[in-house]
Amino acid sequence: MRNKGTLRQILLITDGCSNQGEDPIAMAALANEQGIAVNVIGVLNENAPEYHRQGLKEVEEIAMAGGGISQVVYTKQLAQTVKMVTQKAMAQTIKGVVNAELQQILGSQSSMEDLPPDKRGEVIEVVDEMGETMNLEILVLIDASGSMEDKMLTVQESLLDLSISLNSRIGDNEFALYVFPGKRTEAEELLSWSSKLESIGKTFSKISLGGITPTGPAIKEAIAAFGRKRSSKRRFLSDDAPGYSNESGL
């Protein structure tokens, strides 16, 4: 079965513009180059001022550079959106891998959409199966600036909901959780790599809200965290597609 390999995602949850450190769009592009998809959820209050809405344009630009998915939502929609963005990004990445293989077999101009309907259906089944069986690593980056204070409980509930929904998959799931800014650094690890997020309540109680929004440095630290994880297990990324690592010959 074609189930080996790992999908790697950064899931950035923020409510505003970065304002310190490296350009987050450039950092997202760097992550993409290293096989890590960057997905971004911009969170708005219902009464958010217009300048804040304008600032969330950065959300789309970061995700575009990171080869991922972006979505701007109101706080009350967050739980559903976190699952949707994660699953949609998985499907997009797997589709990219499959299209790359089709191009090798059928020529550079071929893609899934070019196949006859019956063959396309078979390929879609493969994509769906891979979405269930491939391993998934998600590093969640949470904006902990002061304006996020009234959103943190919803963020916590959304991530628990995501963990529960993904645990029904056949493939392994691993999560890590970082906030920015940290107490002493621009990005701080709150939860190291784990297969479950049940302890997230205790983790969130440690978050100290306030300060700047160093989104670029936070993405840079997330890339480094993936690098440390790969080094510890002697894993190497494939260049096949953003967010995908072929570790056993997919």
C-alpha atoms as a PDB file:
ATOM      1  CA  MET A   1       0.000   0.000   0.000  1.00  0.00           C
ATOM      2  CA  ARG A   2       1.250   3.497  -0.826  1.00  0.00           C
ATOM      3  CA  ASN A   3       1.011   4.761   2.709  1.00  0.00           C
ATOM      4  CA  LYS A   4       4.573   5.574   3.708  1.00  0.00           C
ATOM      5  CA  GLY A   5       5.849   9.097   3.645  1.00  0.00           C
ATOM      6  CA  THR A   6       5.066  12.146   5.737  1.00  0.00           C
ATOM      7  CA  LEU A   7       3.016  15.271   5.157  1.00  0.00           C
ATOM      8  CA  ARG A   8       4.498  18.221   7.038  1.00  0.00           C
ATOM      9  CA  GLN A   9       2.514  21.355   7.819  1.00  0.00           C
ATOM     10  CA  ILE A  10       2.933  24.563   9.759  1.00  0.00           C
ATOM     11  CA  LEU A  11      -0.472  25.801  10.926  1.00  0.00           C
ATOM     12  CA  LEU A  12      -0.244  29.518  11.757  1.00  0.00           C
ATOM     13  CA  ILE A  13      -3.127  31.057  13.714  1.00  0.00           C
ATOM     14  CA  THR A  14      -2.966  34.857  13.993  1.00  0.00           C
ATOM     15  CA  ASP A  15      -5.139  37.955  14.116  1.00  0.00           C
ATOM     16  CA  GLY A  16      -2.854  40.595  12.709  1.00  0.00           C
ATOM     17  CA  CYS A  17       0.253  41.761  10.955  1.00  0.00           C
ATOM     18  CA  SER A  18       3.771  40.772  11.812  1.00  0.00           C
ATOM     19  CA  ASN A  19       5.831  43.704  13.032  1.00  0.00           C
ATOM     20  CA  GLN A  20       9.306  42.480  13.900  1.00  0.00           C
ATOM     21  CA  GLY A  21      12.096  40.356  12.462  1.00  0.00           C
ATOM     22  CA  GLU A  22      12.372  38.499   9.171  1.00  0.00           C
ATOM     23  CA  ASP A  23       9.759  38.855   6.446  1.00  0.00           C
ATOM     24  CA  PRO A  24       7.162  36.129   7.139  1.00  0.00           C
ATOM     25  CA  ILE A  25       6.449  35.732   3.429  1.00  0.00           C
ATOM     26  CA  ALA A  26      10.121  34.984   2.746  1.00  0.00           C
ATOM     27  CA  MET A  27      10.232  32.573   5.682  1.00  0.00           C
ATOM     28  CA  ALA A  28       7.118  30.790   4.381  1.00  0.00           C
ATOM     29  CA  ALA A  29       8.768  30.424   0.979  1.00  0.00           C
ATOM     30  CA  LEU A  30      11.824  28.934   2.706  1.00  0.00           C
ATOM     31  CA  ALA A  31       9.614  26.420   4.506  1.00  0.00           C
ATOM     32  CA  ASN A  32       7.982  25.500   1.213  1.00  0.00           C
ATOM     33  CA  GLU A  33      11.393  24.902  -0.352  1.00  0.00           C
ATOM     34  CA  GLN A  34      12.194  22.514   2.501  1.00  0.00           C
ATOM     35  CA  GLY A  35       9.045  20.461   1.984  1.00  0.00           C
ATOM     36  CA  ILE A  36       6.878  22.068   4.673  1.00  0.00           C
ATOM     37  CA  ALA A  37       3.515  23.559   3.702  1.00  0.00           C
ATOM     38  CA  VAL A  38       2.509  26.731   5.554  1.00  0.00           C
ATOM     39  CA  ASN A  39      -1.225  27.109   6.208  1.00  0.00           C
ATOM     40  CA  VAL A  40      -2.570  30.284   7.777  1.00  0.00           C
ATOM     41  CA  ILE A  41      -5.801  31.077   9.600  1.00  0.00           C
ATOM     42  CA  GLY A  42      -6.539  34.740  10.241  1.00  0.00           C
ATOM     43  CA  VAL A  43      -8.928  35.267  13.161  1.00  0.00           C
ATOM     44  CA  LEU A  44     -11.205  38.318  13.278  1.00  0.00           C
ATOM     45  CA  ASN A  45     -13.542  39.651  15.915  1.00  0.00           C
ATOM     46  CA  GLU A  46     -16.984  40.520  14.560  1.00  0.00           C
ATOM     47  CA  ASN A  47     -16.354  44.186  15.404  1.00  0.00           C
ATOM     48  CA  ALA A  48     -12.786  44.297  14.081  1.00  0.00           C
ATOM     49  CA  PRO A  49     -11.813  47.741  12.738  1.00  0.00           C
ATOM     50  CA  GLU A  50     -11.184  48.130   9.026  1.00  0.00           C
ATOM     51  CA  TYR A  51      -7.433  48.633   9.403  1.00  0.00           C
ATOM     52  CA  HIS A  52      -7.238  45.249  11.129  1.00  0.00           C
ATOM     53  CA  ARG A  53      -9.106  43.581   8.274  1.00  0.00           C
ATOM     54  CA  GLN A  54      -6.698  45.162   5.806  1.00  0.00           C
ATOM     55  CA  GLY A  55      -3.755  43.854   7.804  1.00  0.00           C
ATOM     56  CA  LEU A  56      -4.952  40.277   7.420  1.00  0.00           C
ATOM     57  CA  LYS A  57      -4.129  40.410   3.704  1.00  0.00           C
ATOM     58  CA  GLU A  58      -0.738  39.176   4.870  1.00  0.00           C
ATOM     59  CA  VAL A  59      -2.418  35.873   5.781  1.00  0.00           C
ATOM     60  CA  GLU A  60      -3.058  35.064   2.134  1.00  0.00           C
ATOM     61  CA  GLU A  61       0.434  36.119   1.040  1.00  0.00           C
ATOM     62  CA  ILE A  62       2.143  33.946   3.656  1.00  0.00           C
ATOM     63  CA  ALA A  63       0.113  30.884   2.694  1.00  0.00           C
ATOM     64  CA  MET A  64       0.668  31.472  -1.012  1.00  0.00           C
ATOM     65  CA  ALA A  65       4.432  31.674  -0.516  1.00  0.00           C
ATOM     66  CA  GLY A  66       4.290  28.617   1.746  1.00  0.00           C
ATOM     67  CA  GLY A  67       2.401  26.463  -0.744  1.00  0.00           C
ATOM     68  CA  GLY A  68      -0.496  26.172   1.669  1.00  0.00           C
ATOM     69  CA  ILE A  69      -4.085  27.214   2.327  1.00  0.00           C
ATOM     70  CA  SER A  70      -5.313  30.459   3.899  1.00  0.00           C
ATOM     71  CA  GLN A  71      -8.621  31.399   5.476  1.00  0.00           C
ATOM     72  CA  VAL A  72      -9.831  34.474   7.356  1.00  0.00           C
ATOM     73  CA  VAL A  73     -12.675  33.726   9.782  1.00  0.00           C
ATOM     74  CA  TYR A  74     -14.571  35.122  12.727  1.00  0.00           C
ATOM     75  CA  THR A  75     -13.678  33.622  16.098  1.00  0.00           C
ATOM     76  CA  LYS A  76     -16.873  31.567  16.367  1.00  0.00           C
ATOM     77  CA  GLN A  77     -16.039  29.776  13.090  1.00  0.00           C
ATOM     78  CA  LEU A  78     -12.533  28.777  14.137  1.00  0.00           C
ATOM     79  CA  ALA A  79     -13.047  25.143  15.184  1.00  0.00           C
ATOM     80  CA  GLN A  80     -14.568  24.125  11.865  1.00  0.00           C
ATOM     81  CA  THR A  81     -11.980  26.146   9.945  1.00  0.00           C
ATOM     82  CA  VAL A  82      -8.938  24.552  11.618  1.00  0.00           C
ATOM     83  CA  LYS A  83     -10.089  21.094  10.516  1.00  0.00           C
ATOM     84  CA  MET A  84     -11.049  22.270   7.040  1.00  0.00           C
ATOM     85  CA  VAL A  85      -7.764  24.042   6.357  1.00  0.00           C
ATOM     86  CA  THR A  86      -5.692  21.100   7.624  1.00  0.00           C
ATOM     87  CA  GLN A  87      -7.577  18.525   5.571  1.00  0.00           C
ATOM     88  CA  LYS A  88      -7.744  20.679   2.449  1.00  0.00           C
ATOM     89  CA  ALA A  89      -4.003  21.308   2.658  1.00  0.00           C
ATOM     90  CA  MET A  90      -3.353  17.564   2.981  1.00  0.00           C
ATOM     91  CA  ALA A  91      -5.412  16.879  -0.133  1.00  0.00           C
ATOM     92  CA  GLN A  92      -3.693  19.678  -2.062  1.00  0.00           C
ATOM     93  CA  THR A  93      -0.239  18.371  -1.194  1.00  0.00           C
ATOM     94  CA  ILE A  94      -1.074  14.764  -2.052  1.00  0.00           C
ATOM     95  CA  LYS A  95      -2.619  15.869  -5.339  1.00  0.00           C
ATOM     96  CA  GLY A  96       0.635  17.673  -6.128  1.00  0.00           C
ATOM     97  CA  VAL A  97       2.618  14.501  -5.442  1.00  0.00           C
ATOM     98  CA  VAL A  98       0.305  12.424  -7.649  1.00  0.00           C
ATOM     99  CA  ASN A  99       0.440  14.988 -10.466  1.00  0.00           C
ATOM    100  CA  ALA A 100       4.247  14.991 -10.274  1.00  0.00           C
ATOM    101  CA  GLU A 101       4.255  11.209 -10.696  1.00  0.00           C
ATOM    102  CA  LEU A 102       1.766  11.407 -13.577  1.00  0.00           C
ATOM    103  CA  GLN A 103       4.013  13.912 -15.329  1.00  0.00           C
ATOM    104  CA  GLN A 104       6.948  11.537 -15.011  1.00  0.00           C
ATOM    105  CA  ILE A 105       4.869   8.742 -16.525  1.00  0.00           C
ATOM    106  CA  LEU A 106       2.777  10.612 -19.104  1.00  0.00           C
ATOM    107  CA  GLY A 107       4.806  13.728 -19.857  1.00  0.00           C
ATOM    108  CA  SER A 108       5.291  17.167 -18.390  1.00  0.00           C
ATOM    109  CA  GLN A 109       1.975  18.534 -19.662  1.00  0.00           C
ATOM    110  CA  SER A 110      -0.164  15.852 -18.011  1.00  0.00           C
ATOM    111  CA  SER A 111      -2.128  16.160 -14.784  1.00  0.00           C
ATOM    112  CA  MET A 112      -4.980  14.428 -13.009  1.00  0.00           C
ATOM    113  CA  GLU A 113      -7.507  16.594 -14.873  1.00  0.00           C
ATOM    114  CA  ASP A 114      -6.199  15.367 -18.242  1.00  0.00           C
ATOM    115  CA  LEU A 115      -7.032  11.714 -17.540  1.00  0.00           C
ATOM    116  CA  PRO A 116     -10.167   9.991 -18.880  1.00  0.00           C
ATOM    117  CA  PRO A 117     -13.026   9.995 -16.340  1.00  0.00           C
ATOM    118  CA  ASP A 118     -12.580   6.354 -15.322  1.00  0.00           C
ATOM    119  CA  LYS A 119      -8.824   6.723 -14.773  1.00  0.00           C
ATOM    120  CA  ARG A 120      -9.333  10.031 -12.989  1.00  0.00           C
ATOM    121  CA  GLY A 121     -11.701   8.290 -10.577  1.00  0.00           C
ATOM    122  CA  GLU A 122      -9.077   5.681  -9.808  1.00  0.00           C
ATOM    123  CA  VAL A 123      -6.477   8.359  -9.105  1.00  0.00           C
ATOM    124  CA  ILE A 124      -8.890  10.251  -6.834  1.00  0.00           C
ATOM    125  CA  GLU A 125      -9.375   7.028  -4.858  1.00  0.00           C
ATOM    126  CA  VAL A 126      -5.594   6.800  -4.438  1.00  0.00           C
ATOM    127  CA  VAL A 127      -5.470  10.417  -3.251  1.00  0.00           C
ATOM    128  CA  ASP A 128      -8.225   9.755  -0.703  1.00  0.00           C
ATOM    129  CA  GLU A 129      -6.490   6.611   0.532  1.00  0.00           C
ATOM    130  CA  MET A 130      -3.175   8.414   0.889  1.00  0.00           C
ATOM    131  CA  GLY A 131      -4.911  11.127   2.922  1.00  0.00           C
ATOM    132  CA  GLU A 132      -5.983   8.451   5.398  1.00  0.00           C
ATOM    133  CA  THR A 133      -2.773   6.442   5.539  1.00  0.00           C
ATOM    134  CA  MET A 134       0.154   8.841   5.237  1.00  0.00           C
ATOM    135  CA  ASN A 135       1.861  10.129   8.362  1.00  0.00           C
ATOM    136  CA  LEU A 136       1.142  13.736   9.337  1.00  0.00           C
ATOM    137  CA  GLU A 137       3.269  16.192  11.281  1.00  0.00           C
ATOM    138  CA  ILE A 138       1.687  19.531  12.214  1.00  0.00           C
ATOM    139  CA  LEU A 139       3.514  22.303  14.015  1.00  0.00           C
ATOM    140  CA  VAL A 140       0.938  24.789  15.305  1.00  0.00           C
ATOM    141  CA  LEU A 141       2.150  28.404  15.605  1.00  0.00           C
ATOM    142  CA  ILE A 142      -0.125  30.589  17.722  1.00  0.00           C
ATOM    143  CA  ASP A 143      -0.007  34.370  17.809  1.00  0.00           C
ATOM    144  CA  ALA A 144       0.130  35.269  21.510  1.00  0.00           C
ATOM    145  CA  SER A 145       0.082  39.046  21.131  1.00  0.00           C
ATOM    146  CA  GLY A 146      -2.278  40.955  23.411  1.00  0.00           C
ATOM    147  CA  SER A 147      -5.126  41.225  20.916  1.00  0.00           C
ATOM    148  CA  MET A 148      -5.486  37.420  20.883  1.00  0.00           C
ATOM    149  CA  GLU A 149      -6.553  37.252  24.541  1.00  0.00           C
ATOM    150  CA  ASP A 150     -10.276  36.844  23.884  1.00  0.00           C
ATOM    151  CA  LYS A 151      -9.630  34.196  21.214  1.00  0.00           C
ATOM    152  CA  MET A 152      -7.367  31.777  23.083  1.00  0.00           C
ATOM    153  CA  LEU A 153     -10.080  29.579  24.585  1.00  0.00           C
ATOM    154  CA  THR A 154     -11.565  29.090  21.114  1.00  0.00           C
ATOM    155  CA  VAL A 155      -8.108  28.305  19.716  1.00  0.00           C
ATOM    156  CA  GLN A 156      -7.597  25.703  22.447  1.00  0.00           C
ATOM    157  CA  GLU A 157     -10.959  24.058  21.758  1.00  0.00           C
ATOM    158  CA  SER A 158     -10.286  24.091  18.014  1.00  0.00           C
ATOM    159  CA  LEU A 159      -6.980  22.273  18.378  1.00  0.00           C
ATOM    160  CA  LEU A 160      -8.522  19.624  20.631  1.00  0.00           C
ATOM    161  CA  ASP A 161     -11.237  19.132  18.030  1.00  0.00           C
ATOM    162  CA  LEU A 162      -8.586  18.820  15.310  1.00  0.00           C
ATOM    163  CA  SER A 163      -6.665  16.204  17.306  1.00  0.00           C
ATOM    164  CA  ILE A 164      -9.794  14.115  17.850  1.00  0.00           C
ATOM    165  CA  SER A 165     -10.806  14.251  14.184  1.00  0.00           C
ATOM    166  CA  LEU A 166      -7.328  13.337  12.909  1.00  0.00           C
ATOM    167  CA  ASN A 167      -6.923  10.450  15.349  1.00  0.00           C
ATOM    168  CA  SER A 168      -9.475   8.510  13.310  1.00  0.00           C
ATOM    169  CA  ARG A 169      -6.936   8.319  10.470  1.00  0.00           C
ATOM    170  CA  ILE A 170      -4.877   5.178   9.858  1.00  0.00           C
ATOM    171  CA  GLY A 171      -1.667   7.144   9.457  1.00  0.00           C
ATOM    172  CA  ASP A 172       0.290   8.466  12.430  1.00  0.00           C
ATOM    173  CA  ASN A 173      -0.271  12.046  13.604  1.00  0.00           C
ATOM    174  CA  GLU A 174       2.256  14.129  15.507  1.00  0.00           C
ATOM    175  CA  PHE A 175       1.723  17.650  16.793  1.00  0.00           C
ATOM    176  CA  ALA A 176       3.968  20.340  18.235  1.00  0.00           C
ATOM    177  CA  LEU A 177       2.810  23.682  19.638  1.00  0.00           C
ATOM    178  CA  TYR A 178       4.690  26.990  19.625  1.00  0.00           C
ATOM    179  CA  VAL A 179       3.603  30.506  20.560  1.00  0.00           C
ATOM    180  CA  PHE A 180       5.023  33.857  19.518  1.00  0.00           C
ATOM    181  CA  PRO A 181       6.299  35.968  21.081  1.00  0.00           C
ATOM    182  CA  GLY A 182       7.637  33.741  23.830  1.00  0.00           C
ATOM    183  CA  LYS A 183       8.569  34.834  27.331  1.00  0.00           C
ATOM    184  CA  ARG A 184      12.279  35.010  26.536  1.00  0.00           C
ATOM    185  CA  THR A 185      12.482  34.348  22.800  1.00  0.00           C
ATOM    186  CA  GLU A 186      10.592  35.366  19.677  1.00  0.00           C
ATOM    187  CA  ALA A 187       8.975  31.905  19.505  1.00  0.00           C
ATOM    188  CA  GLU A 188       8.623  29.434  22.370  1.00  0.00           C
ATOM    189  CA  GLU A 189       7.847  25.714  22.401  1.00  0.00           C
ATOM    190  CA  LEU A 190       4.885  24.876  24.609  1.00  0.00           C
ATOM    191  CA  LEU A 191       4.379  21.268  23.551  1.00  0.00           C
ATOM    192  CA  SER A 192       7.036  19.056  22.003  1.00  0.00           C
ATOM    193  CA  TRP A 193       6.138  16.476  19.370  1.00  0.00           C
ATOM    194  CA  SER A 194       3.284  14.302  20.588  1.00  0.00           C
ATOM    195  CA  SER A 195       0.653  12.076  19.013  1.00  0.00           C
ATOM    196  CA  LYS A 196      -2.127  13.652  21.092  1.00  0.00           C
ATOM    197  CA  LEU A 197      -3.161  17.113  22.194  1.00  0.00           C
ATOM    198  CA  GLU A 198      -5.076  16.080  25.323  1.00  0.00           C
ATOM    199  CA  SER A 199      -2.626  17.988  27.523  1.00  0.00           C
ATOM    200  CA  ILE A 200      -3.274  21.210  25.661  1.00  0.00           C
ATOM    201  CA  GLY A 201      -5.321  22.698  28.517  1.00  0.00           C
ATOM    202  CA  LYS A 202      -2.346  22.691  30.876  1.00  0.00           C
ATOM    203  CA  THR A 203      -0.181  23.967  28.045  1.00  0.00           C
ATOM    204  CA  PHE A 204      -2.417  26.950  27.316  1.00  0.00           C
ATOM    205  CA  SER A 205      -2.351  27.988  30.960  1.00  0.00           C
ATOM    206  CA  LYS A 206       1.365  28.726  30.484  1.00  0.00           C
ATOM    207  CA  ILE A 207       0.795  31.231  27.675  1.00  0.00           C
ATOM    208  CA  SER A 208       1.678  34.821  28.554  1.00  0.00           C
ATOM    209  CA  LEU A 209      -0.165  37.143  26.175  1.00  0.00           C
ATOM    210  CA  GLY A 210       1.139  40.496  25.010  1.00  0.00           C
ATOM    211  CA  GLY A 211       3.948  42.157  23.125  1.00  0.00           C
ATOM    212  CA  ILE A 212       5.032  42.224  19.517  1.00  0.00           C
ATOM    213  CA  THR A 213       4.094  39.915  16.613  1.00  0.00           C
ATOM    214  CA  PRO A 214       7.312  38.339  15.243  1.00  0.00           C
ATOM    215  CA  THR A 215       5.631  36.091  12.666  1.00  0.00           C
ATOM    216  CA  GLY A 216       8.694  35.752  10.433  1.00  0.00           C
ATOM    217  CA  PRO A 217      11.029  34.627  13.236  1.00  0.00           C
ATOM    218  CA  ALA A 218       8.303  32.247  14.461  1.00  0.00           C
ATOM    219  CA  ILE A 219       8.081  30.536  11.053  1.00  0.00           C
ATOM    220  CA  LYS A 220      11.892  30.391  10.975  1.00  0.00           C
ATOM    221  CA  GLU A 221      11.894  28.631  14.366  1.00  0.00           C
ATOM    222  CA  ALA A 222       9.203  26.222  13.155  1.00  0.00           C
ATOM    223  CA  ILE A 223      11.410  25.263  10.207  1.00  0.00           C
ATOM    224  CA  ALA A 224      14.280  24.654  12.625  1.00  0.00           C
ATOM    225  CA  ALA A 225      12.020  22.489  14.803  1.00  0.00           C
ATOM    226  CA  PHE A 226      11.205  20.261  11.843  1.00  0.00           C
ATOM    227  CA  GLY A 227      14.915  20.092  11.072  1.00  0.00           C
ATOM    228  CA  ARG A 228      15.740  18.971  14.606  1.00  0.00           C
ATOM    229  CA  LYS A 229      13.029  16.340  14.448  1.00  0.00           C
ATOM    230  CA  ARG A 230      14.304  14.969  11.138  1.00  0.00           C
ATOM    231  CA  SER A 231      17.873  14.935  12.384  1.00  0.00           C
ATOM    232  CA  SER A 232      16.912  13.001  15.486  1.00  0.00           C
ATOM    233  CA  LYS A 233      15.291  10.307  13.381  1.00  0.00           C
ATOM    234  CA  ARG A 234      17.719  10.595  10.472  1.00  0.00           C
ATOM    235  CA  ARG A 235      14.979  11.566   8.073  1.00  0.00           C
ATOM    236  CA  PHE A 236      15.522  13.420   4.841  1.00  0.00           C
ATOM    237  CA  LEU A 237      12.968  15.435   2.869  1.00  0.00           C
ATOM    238  CA  SER A 238      12.089  14.709  -0.761  1.00  0.00           C
ATOM    239  CA  ASP A 239      11.755  17.633  -3.172  1.00  0.00           C
ATOM    240  CA  ASP A 240       8.698  16.066  -4.781  1.00  0.00           C
ATOM    241  CA  ALA A 241       6.140  18.519  -3.399  1.00  0.00           C
ATOM    242  CA  PRO A 242       5.608  21.066  -0.609  1.00  0.00           C
ATOM    243  CA  GLY A 243       4.666  19.488   2.688  1.00  0.00           C
ATOM    244  CA  TYR A 244       5.608  15.970   1.597  1.00  0.00           C
ATOM    245  CA  SER A 245       8.517  13.727   2.475  1.00  0.00           C
ATOM    246  CA  ASN A 246       8.913  10.400   0.719  1.00  0.00           C
ATOM    247  CA  GLU A 247      10.708   8.277   3.264  1.00  0.00           C
ATOM    248  CA  SER A 248      10.090   4.842   1.881  1.00  0.00           C
ATOM    249  CA  GLY A 249       9.563   5.036  -1.831  1.00  0.00           C
ATOM    250  CA  LEU A 250       6.085   6.406  -2.397  1.00  0.00           C
END
